[in-house]
Amino acid sequence: MAAPRNFYRFQQEGLLLLRVGIGFMFILHGWPKITGGMEMWEKVGSAMSVFGLSSGFTFFGFMAAFAETVGGLFLMLGFLFRPMVVLLFITMVMATIHHLAAGDGFGGASHALEAAILFLSLFFIGPGRYSLDNKMLGDTAKNRLY
């Protein structure tokens, strides 16, 4: 009897495509923020006022821009994968809360919420075979949270 066909034999290639595609899109999304300087960081970071904060907006805005831009690059490379998807997840949760608090409704918050779900899922899936983490750490990369 012949072995059943494996229709999922390209999982690793699919994960690579997902990482590269989403990472590239987040670089494009974050680049104007990271190059926008302190004024842009202050504007982005002001989303933290939802939590009653009235200072530190520049820092939080820079961190969001960093997470999207550098996190997108590291996502593409599969480098420091889990720490980066945690940063991206937190950034997208904050963006979701910001959009909901601003009255944008579900339609305005849905992109950030979808991205948060994606990054949380990737945290559990891992970077895959075609990643710098796997290249540098080998099989131990599967079991590391860093």
N, C-alpha and C. Protein backbone atom coordinates (compact mmCIF):
# COMPACT_ATOMS: atom_id res chain seq x y z
N MET A 1 0.84 -1.17 0.00
CA MET A 1 0.00 0.00 0.00
C MET A 1 0.90 1.25 0.00
N ALA A 2 0.58 2.19 -0.84
CA ALA A 2 1.39 3.42 -0.98
C ALA A 2 1.13 4.35 0.20
N ALA A 3 2.18 5.04 0.59
CA ALA A 3 2.06 6.02 1.67
C ALA A 3 1.17 7.17 1.21
N PRO A 4 0.39 7.73 2.11
CA PRO A 4 -0.47 8.86 1.71
C PRO A 4 0.39 10.06 1.29
N ARG A 5 -0.14 10.79 0.34
CA ARG A 5 0.57 11.97 -0.16
C ARG A 5 0.60 13.07 0.90
N ASN A 6 1.73 13.71 1.02
CA ASN A 6 1.87 14.81 1.95
C ASN A 6 1.62 16.12 1.20
N PHE A 7 0.41 16.66 1.36
CA PHE A 7 0.08 17.91 0.70
C PHE A 7 0.65 19.12 1.42
N TYR A 8 1.26 18.88 2.57
CA TYR A 8 1.81 19.97 3.36
C TYR A 8 3.34 19.90 3.41
N ARG A 9 3.96 19.39 2.39
CA ARG A 9 5.41 19.21 2.41
C ARG A 9 6.18 20.51 2.20
N PHE A 10 5.49 21.59 1.91
CA PHE A 10 6.15 22.88 1.71
C PHE A 10 5.87 23.85 2.86
N GLN A 11 5.67 23.31 4.05
CA GLN A 11 5.40 24.16 5.22
C GLN A 11 6.53 25.14 5.48
N GLN A 12 7.75 24.69 5.41
CA GLN A 12 8.89 25.56 5.71
C GLN A 12 9.02 26.69 4.69
N GLU A 13 8.76 26.36 3.43
CA GLU A 13 8.82 27.39 2.39
C GLU A 13 7.67 28.38 2.58
N GLY A 14 6.51 27.88 2.97
CA GLY A 14 5.37 28.76 3.24
C GLY A 14 5.63 29.69 4.40
N LEU A 15 6.26 29.17 5.45
CA LEU A 15 6.61 30.00 6.61
C LEU A 15 7.63 31.06 6.21
N LEU A 16 8.60 30.70 5.38
CA LEU A 16 9.57 31.67 4.89
C LEU A 16 8.87 32.78 4.10
N LEU A 17 7.97 32.40 3.21
CA LEU A 17 7.22 33.38 2.42
C LEU A 17 6.41 34.31 3.33
N LEU A 18 5.77 33.76 4.34
CA LEU A 18 5.01 34.56 5.29
C LEU A 18 5.91 35.53 6.03
N ARG A 19 7.03 35.04 6.54
CA ARG A 19 7.97 35.90 7.28
C ARG A 19 8.50 37.03 6.41
N VAL A 20 8.92 36.70 5.19
CA VAL A 20 9.50 37.71 4.30
C VAL A 20 8.43 38.72 3.87
N GLY A 21 7.26 38.24 3.51
CA GLY A 21 6.20 39.14 3.05
C GLY A 21 5.71 40.07 4.14
N ILE A 22 5.39 39.53 5.31
CA ILE A 22 4.90 40.36 6.41
C ILE A 22 6.02 41.26 6.94
N GLY A 23 7.23 40.74 7.03
CA GLY A 23 8.36 41.55 7.48
C GLY A 23 8.59 42.74 6.57
N PHE A 24 8.55 42.51 5.27
CA PHE A 24 8.75 43.60 4.30
C PHE A 24 7.65 44.65 4.44
N MET A 25 6.41 44.21 4.58
CA MET A 25 5.31 45.15 4.73
C MET A 25 5.45 45.98 6.01
N PHE A 26 5.94 45.37 7.09
CA PHE A 26 6.11 46.12 8.32
C PHE A 26 7.29 47.08 8.24
N ILE A 27 8.32 46.74 7.48
CA ILE A 27 9.40 47.70 7.24
C ILE A 27 8.83 48.92 6.52
N LEU A 28 8.04 48.69 5.49
CA LEU A 28 7.43 49.80 4.75
C LEU A 28 6.51 50.62 5.64
N HIS A 29 5.79 49.96 6.52
CA HIS A 29 4.86 50.63 7.43
C HIS A 29 5.61 51.42 8.50
N GLY A 30 6.72 50.90 8.99
CA GLY A 30 7.45 51.53 10.06
C GLY A 30 8.48 52.56 9.62
N TRP A 31 8.97 52.45 8.36
CA TRP A 31 10.03 53.33 7.90
C TRP A 31 9.70 54.82 8.04
N PRO A 32 8.51 55.27 7.61
CA PRO A 32 8.19 56.70 7.78
C PRO A 32 8.16 57.11 9.26
N LYS A 33 7.82 56.18 10.12
CA LYS A 33 7.78 56.50 11.55
C LYS A 33 9.19 56.62 12.12
N ILE A 34 10.06 55.71 11.78
CA ILE A 34 11.41 55.74 12.37
C ILE A 34 12.22 56.89 11.80
N THR A 35 11.99 57.26 10.55
CA THR A 35 12.73 58.37 9.95
C THR A 35 12.04 59.70 10.19
N GLY A 36 10.86 59.68 10.76
CA GLY A 36 10.11 60.91 11.02
C GLY A 36 10.66 61.73 12.16
N GLY A 37 11.52 61.16 12.94
CA GLY A 37 12.16 61.88 14.04
C GLY A 37 11.25 62.07 15.24
N MET A 38 11.72 62.92 16.12
CA MET A 38 11.06 63.08 17.42
C MET A 38 9.61 63.56 17.31
N GLU A 39 9.33 64.41 16.34
CA GLU A 39 7.96 64.88 16.17
C GLU A 39 7.02 63.72 15.85
N MET A 40 7.46 62.86 14.95
CA MET A 40 6.65 61.69 14.59
C MET A 40 6.54 60.73 15.76
N TRP A 41 7.64 60.51 16.47
CA TRP A 41 7.62 59.60 17.61
C TRP A 41 6.66 60.10 18.68
N GLU A 42 6.67 61.40 18.91
CA GLU A 42 5.75 62.00 19.89
C GLU A 42 4.30 61.75 19.49
N LYS A 43 4.01 61.93 18.20
CA LYS A 43 2.65 61.73 17.68
C LYS A 43 2.22 60.26 17.83
N VAL A 44 3.08 59.35 17.42
CA VAL A 44 2.76 57.92 17.52
C VAL A 44 2.64 57.51 18.99
N GLY A 45 3.56 57.97 19.81
CA GLY A 45 3.57 57.60 21.22
C GLY A 45 2.42 58.18 22.01
N SER A 46 1.77 59.22 21.49
CA SER A 46 0.64 59.81 22.20
C SER A 46 -0.52 58.82 22.35
N ALA A 47 -0.45 57.73 21.63
CA ALA A 47 -1.47 56.68 21.79
C ALA A 47 -1.49 56.15 23.22
N MET A 48 -0.39 56.32 23.93
CA MET A 48 -0.31 55.84 25.31
C MET A 48 -1.18 56.66 26.27
N SER A 49 -1.68 57.80 25.81
CA SER A 49 -2.56 58.61 26.66
C SER A 49 -3.84 57.86 26.99
N VAL A 50 -4.17 56.86 26.22
CA VAL A 50 -5.34 56.01 26.49
C VAL A 50 -5.22 55.38 27.88
N PHE A 51 -3.98 55.15 28.32
CA PHE A 51 -3.73 54.53 29.62
C PHE A 51 -3.47 55.56 30.71
N GLY A 52 -3.77 56.81 30.43
CA GLY A 52 -3.61 57.85 31.43
C GLY A 52 -2.21 58.42 31.51
N LEU A 53 -1.32 58.02 30.62
CA LEU A 53 0.04 58.56 30.62
C LEU A 53 0.03 59.94 29.97
N SER A 54 0.84 60.83 30.49
CA SER A 54 0.91 62.18 29.92
C SER A 54 2.33 62.56 29.54
N SER A 55 3.25 61.63 29.62
CA SER A 55 4.63 61.90 29.23
C SER A 55 5.26 60.62 28.69
N GLY A 56 6.44 60.78 28.13
CA GLY A 56 7.16 59.63 27.59
C GLY A 56 6.71 59.23 26.20
N PHE A 57 5.92 60.11 25.57
CA PHE A 57 5.37 59.76 24.25
C PHE A 57 6.46 59.54 23.21
N THR A 58 7.53 60.33 23.28
CA THR A 58 8.62 60.18 22.31
C THR A 58 9.25 58.81 22.41
N PHE A 59 9.49 58.35 23.63
CA PHE A 59 10.07 57.02 23.84
C PHE A 59 9.14 55.93 23.29
N PHE A 60 7.86 55.99 23.65
CA PHE A 60 6.94 54.96 23.21
C PHE A 60 6.75 54.98 21.69
N GLY A 61 6.75 56.19 21.12
CA GLY A 61 6.64 56.29 19.66
C GLY A 61 7.85 55.71 18.96
N PHE A 62 9.04 55.99 19.51
CA PHE A 62 10.26 55.41 18.94
C PHE A 62 10.21 53.89 19.04
N MET A 63 9.78 53.37 20.18
CA MET A 63 9.72 51.92 20.35
C MET A 63 8.76 51.27 19.35
N ALA A 64 7.62 51.93 19.09
CA ALA A 64 6.68 51.40 18.10
C ALA A 64 7.32 51.41 16.71
N ALA A 65 7.98 52.53 16.36
CA ALA A 65 8.64 52.62 15.06
C ALA A 65 9.76 51.60 14.94
N PHE A 66 10.51 51.42 16.02
CA PHE A 66 11.59 50.42 16.05
C PHE A 66 11.02 49.02 15.86
N ALA A 67 9.95 48.72 16.60
CA ALA A 67 9.35 47.38 16.51
C ALA A 67 8.90 47.09 15.08
N GLU A 68 8.27 48.06 14.44
CA GLU A 68 7.77 47.83 13.09
C GLU A 68 8.91 47.73 12.07
N THR A 69 9.90 48.60 12.17
CA THR A 69 10.96 48.64 11.16
C THR A 69 12.02 47.56 11.39
N VAL A 70 12.66 47.60 12.53
CA VAL A 70 13.71 46.61 12.83
C VAL A 70 13.07 45.24 13.05
N GLY A 71 11.91 45.22 13.71
CA GLY A 71 11.19 43.96 13.90
C GLY A 71 10.81 43.33 12.57
N GLY A 72 10.41 44.16 11.61
CA GLY A 72 10.09 43.64 10.28
C GLY A 72 11.30 43.03 9.60
N LEU A 73 12.44 43.70 9.72
CA LEU A 73 13.68 43.16 9.14
C LEU A 73 14.07 41.86 9.81
N PHE A 74 14.05 41.84 11.13
CA PHE A 74 14.43 40.63 11.86
C PHE A 74 13.43 39.49 11.62
N LEU A 75 12.17 39.84 11.42
CA LEU A 75 11.16 38.83 11.07
C LEU A 75 11.52 38.20 9.73
N MET A 76 11.89 39.02 8.76
CA MET A 76 12.28 38.51 7.45
C MET A 76 13.46 37.55 7.56
N LEU A 77 14.43 37.93 8.38
CA LEU A 77 15.65 37.14 8.53
C LEU A 77 15.48 35.93 9.46
N GLY A 78 14.43 35.97 10.27
CA GLY A 78 14.27 34.92 11.28
C GLY A 78 15.34 35.03 12.34
N PHE A 79 15.68 36.26 12.72
CA PHE A 79 16.75 36.54 13.67
C PHE A 79 16.15 37.13 14.94
N LEU A 80 16.54 36.58 16.10
CA LEU A 80 15.92 36.97 17.37
C LEU A 80 14.40 36.96 17.22
N PHE A 81 13.94 35.89 16.62
CA PHE A 81 12.56 35.80 16.14
C PHE A 81 11.52 36.02 17.24
N ARG A 82 11.61 35.25 18.30
CA ARG A 82 10.57 35.36 19.32
C ARG A 82 10.57 36.71 20.04
N PRO A 83 11.72 37.25 20.43
CA PRO A 83 11.67 38.60 21.03
C PRO A 83 11.05 39.63 20.09
N MET A 84 11.34 39.52 18.81
CA MET A 84 10.80 40.49 17.86
C MET A 84 9.30 40.33 17.66
N VAL A 85 8.82 39.09 17.59
CA VAL A 85 7.36 38.95 17.43
C VAL A 85 6.64 39.37 18.70
N VAL A 86 7.27 39.26 19.86
CA VAL A 86 6.66 39.78 21.09
C VAL A 86 6.54 41.30 21.00
N LEU A 87 7.61 41.99 20.56
CA LEU A 87 7.55 43.44 20.40
C LEU A 87 6.49 43.85 19.37
N LEU A 88 6.43 43.13 18.28
CA LEU A 88 5.43 43.43 17.25
C LEU A 88 4.01 43.15 17.77
N PHE A 89 3.84 42.08 18.51
CA PHE A 89 2.54 41.77 19.09
C PHE A 89 2.08 42.89 20.03
N ILE A 90 2.95 43.31 20.93
CA ILE A 90 2.61 44.37 21.87
C ILE A 90 2.27 45.66 21.13
N THR A 91 3.06 45.98 20.11
CA THR A 91 2.80 47.18 19.31
C THR A 91 1.43 47.12 18.65
N MET A 92 1.07 45.97 18.13
CA MET A 92 -0.22 45.84 17.45
C MET A 92 -1.39 45.82 18.44
N VAL A 93 -1.18 45.28 19.63
CA VAL A 93 -2.22 45.36 20.66
C VAL A 93 -2.46 46.82 21.02
N MET A 94 -1.37 47.57 21.20
CA MET A 94 -1.49 49.00 21.52
C MET A 94 -2.18 49.75 20.39
N ALA A 95 -1.85 49.43 19.15
CA ALA A 95 -2.50 50.08 18.00
C ALA A 95 -3.99 49.75 17.97
N THR A 96 -4.33 48.52 18.28
CA THR A 96 -5.75 48.12 18.33
C THR A 96 -6.49 48.93 19.38
N ILE A 97 -5.93 49.00 20.57
CA ILE A 97 -6.56 49.76 21.66
C ILE A 97 -6.69 51.22 21.28
N HIS A 98 -5.64 51.77 20.68
CA HIS A 98 -5.68 53.18 20.26
C HIS A 98 -6.82 53.43 19.27
N HIS A 99 -6.94 52.57 18.27
CA HIS A 99 -8.00 52.75 17.26
C HIS A 99 -9.39 52.62 17.88
N LEU A 100 -9.56 51.68 18.77
CA LEU A 100 -10.86 51.51 19.42
C LEU A 100 -11.19 52.71 20.31
N ALA A 101 -10.20 53.20 21.06
CA ALA A 101 -10.41 54.35 21.95
C ALA A 101 -10.67 55.63 21.15
N ALA A 102 -10.11 55.71 19.95
CA ALA A 102 -10.30 56.89 19.11
C ALA A 102 -11.65 56.88 18.39
N GLY A 103 -12.40 55.80 18.59
CA GLY A 103 -13.72 55.72 17.96
C GLY A 103 -13.68 55.23 16.53
N ASP A 104 -12.58 54.61 16.13
CA ASP A 104 -12.47 54.12 14.75
C ASP A 104 -13.29 52.86 14.52
N GLY A 105 -13.77 52.26 15.58
CA GLY A 105 -14.58 51.05 15.47
C GLY A 105 -13.76 49.84 15.06
N PHE A 106 -14.48 48.76 14.82
CA PHE A 106 -13.81 47.52 14.46
C PHE A 106 -13.07 47.65 13.13
N GLY A 107 -13.68 48.36 12.18
CA GLY A 107 -13.04 48.53 10.87
C GLY A 107 -11.70 49.22 10.97
N GLY A 108 -11.58 50.21 11.85
CA GLY A 108 -10.34 50.93 12.02
C GLY A 108 -9.30 50.14 12.79
N ALA A 109 -9.75 49.25 13.64
CA ALA A 109 -8.84 48.48 14.49
C ALA A 109 -8.51 47.11 13.92
N SER A 110 -9.24 46.69 12.91
CA SER A 110 -9.12 45.30 12.46
C SER A 110 -7.73 44.95 11.92
N HIS A 111 -7.09 45.86 11.19
CA HIS A 111 -5.76 45.54 10.64
C HIS A 111 -4.76 45.28 11.77
N ALA A 112 -4.75 46.14 12.77
CA ALA A 112 -3.83 45.97 13.90
C ALA A 112 -4.17 44.70 14.67
N LEU A 113 -5.44 44.42 14.85
CA LEU A 113 -5.86 43.21 15.56
C LEU A 113 -5.45 41.96 14.79
N GLU A 114 -5.64 41.97 13.49
CA GLU A 114 -5.22 40.83 12.66
C GLU A 114 -3.71 40.60 12.77
N ALA A 115 -2.95 41.70 12.73
CA ALA A 115 -1.49 41.58 12.85
C ALA A 115 -1.10 41.04 14.23
N ALA A 116 -1.80 41.49 15.28
CA ALA A 116 -1.52 40.98 16.63
C ALA A 116 -1.75 39.48 16.69
N ILE A 117 -2.83 39.01 16.11
CA ILE A 117 -3.13 37.57 16.08
C ILE A 117 -2.03 36.84 15.31
N LEU A 118 -1.60 37.40 14.20
CA LEU A 118 -0.54 36.80 13.39
C LEU A 118 0.75 36.67 14.20
N PHE A 119 1.15 37.75 14.88
CA PHE A 119 2.41 37.70 15.63
C PHE A 119 2.33 36.76 16.83
N LEU A 120 1.19 36.71 17.47
CA LEU A 120 1.03 35.75 18.57
C LEU A 120 1.14 34.33 18.04
N SER A 121 0.54 34.06 16.90
CA SER A 121 0.63 32.73 16.28
C SER A 121 2.07 32.40 15.91
N LEU A 122 2.77 33.36 15.32
CA LEU A 122 4.16 33.13 14.94
C LEU A 122 5.05 32.86 16.15
N PHE A 123 4.73 33.45 17.28
CA PHE A 123 5.49 33.18 18.50
C PHE A 123 5.48 31.68 18.79
N PHE A 124 4.32 31.04 18.64
CA PHE A 124 4.21 29.61 18.94
C PHE A 124 4.74 28.74 17.81
N ILE A 125 4.64 29.21 16.56
CA ILE A 125 5.10 28.43 15.41
C ILE A 125 6.63 28.41 15.34
N GLY A 126 7.25 29.55 15.60
CA GLY A 126 8.70 29.65 15.50
C GLY A 126 9.12 30.12 14.13
N PRO A 127 10.42 30.35 13.94
CA PRO A 127 10.92 30.95 12.71
C PRO A 127 11.04 29.99 11.53
N GLY A 128 11.10 28.71 11.81
CA GLY A 128 11.21 27.73 10.73
C GLY A 128 12.64 27.41 10.36
N ARG A 129 12.77 26.48 9.44
CA ARG A 129 14.07 25.96 9.03
C ARG A 129 14.93 27.03 8.35
N TYR A 130 14.30 27.87 7.53
CA TYR A 130 15.05 28.85 6.74
C TYR A 130 15.11 30.18 7.51
N SER A 131 15.86 30.18 8.59
CA SER A 131 15.99 31.37 9.43
C SER A 131 17.40 31.44 9.99
N LEU A 132 17.81 32.65 10.33
CA LEU A 132 19.13 32.80 10.96
C LEU A 132 19.16 32.13 12.32
N ASP A 133 18.05 32.21 13.06
CA ASP A 133 18.02 31.53 14.36
C ASP A 133 18.31 30.04 14.19
N ASN A 134 17.69 29.42 13.21
CA ASN A 134 17.90 27.99 12.99
C ASN A 134 19.32 27.73 12.50
N LYS A 135 19.83 28.61 11.66
CA LYS A 135 21.19 28.45 11.14
C LYS A 135 22.22 28.57 12.26
N MET A 136 22.00 29.54 13.16
CA MET A 136 22.97 29.80 14.22
C MET A 136 22.82 28.85 15.41
N LEU A 137 21.58 28.48 15.71
CA LEU A 137 21.34 27.68 16.91
C LEU A 137 20.98 26.23 16.61
N GLY A 138 20.72 25.92 15.35
CA GLY A 138 20.34 24.57 14.97
C GLY A 138 19.03 24.15 15.59
N ASP A 139 18.92 22.88 15.94
CA ASP A 139 17.68 22.36 16.50
C ASP A 139 17.32 22.98 17.85
N THR A 140 18.29 23.55 18.54
CA THR A 140 17.98 24.17 19.82
C THR A 140 17.12 25.41 19.66
N ALA A 141 17.09 26.00 18.42
CA ALA A 141 16.27 27.19 18.20
C ALA A 141 14.80 26.91 18.43
N LYS A 142 14.39 25.69 18.19
CA LYS A 142 12.96 25.33 18.37
C LYS A 142 12.54 25.43 19.83
N ASN A 143 13.47 25.20 20.73
CA ASN A 143 13.13 25.11 22.14
C ASN A 143 13.50 26.36 22.94
N ARG A 144 14.01 27.37 22.28
CA ARG A 144 14.47 28.57 22.99
C ARG A 144 13.42 29.67 22.92
N LEU A 145 13.30 30.36 24.02
CA LEU A 145 12.50 31.58 24.04
C LEU A 145 13.41 32.79 24.12
N TYR A 146 14.70 32.57 24.30
CA TYR A 146 15.78 33.55 24.43
C TYR A 146 15.86 34.00 25.82
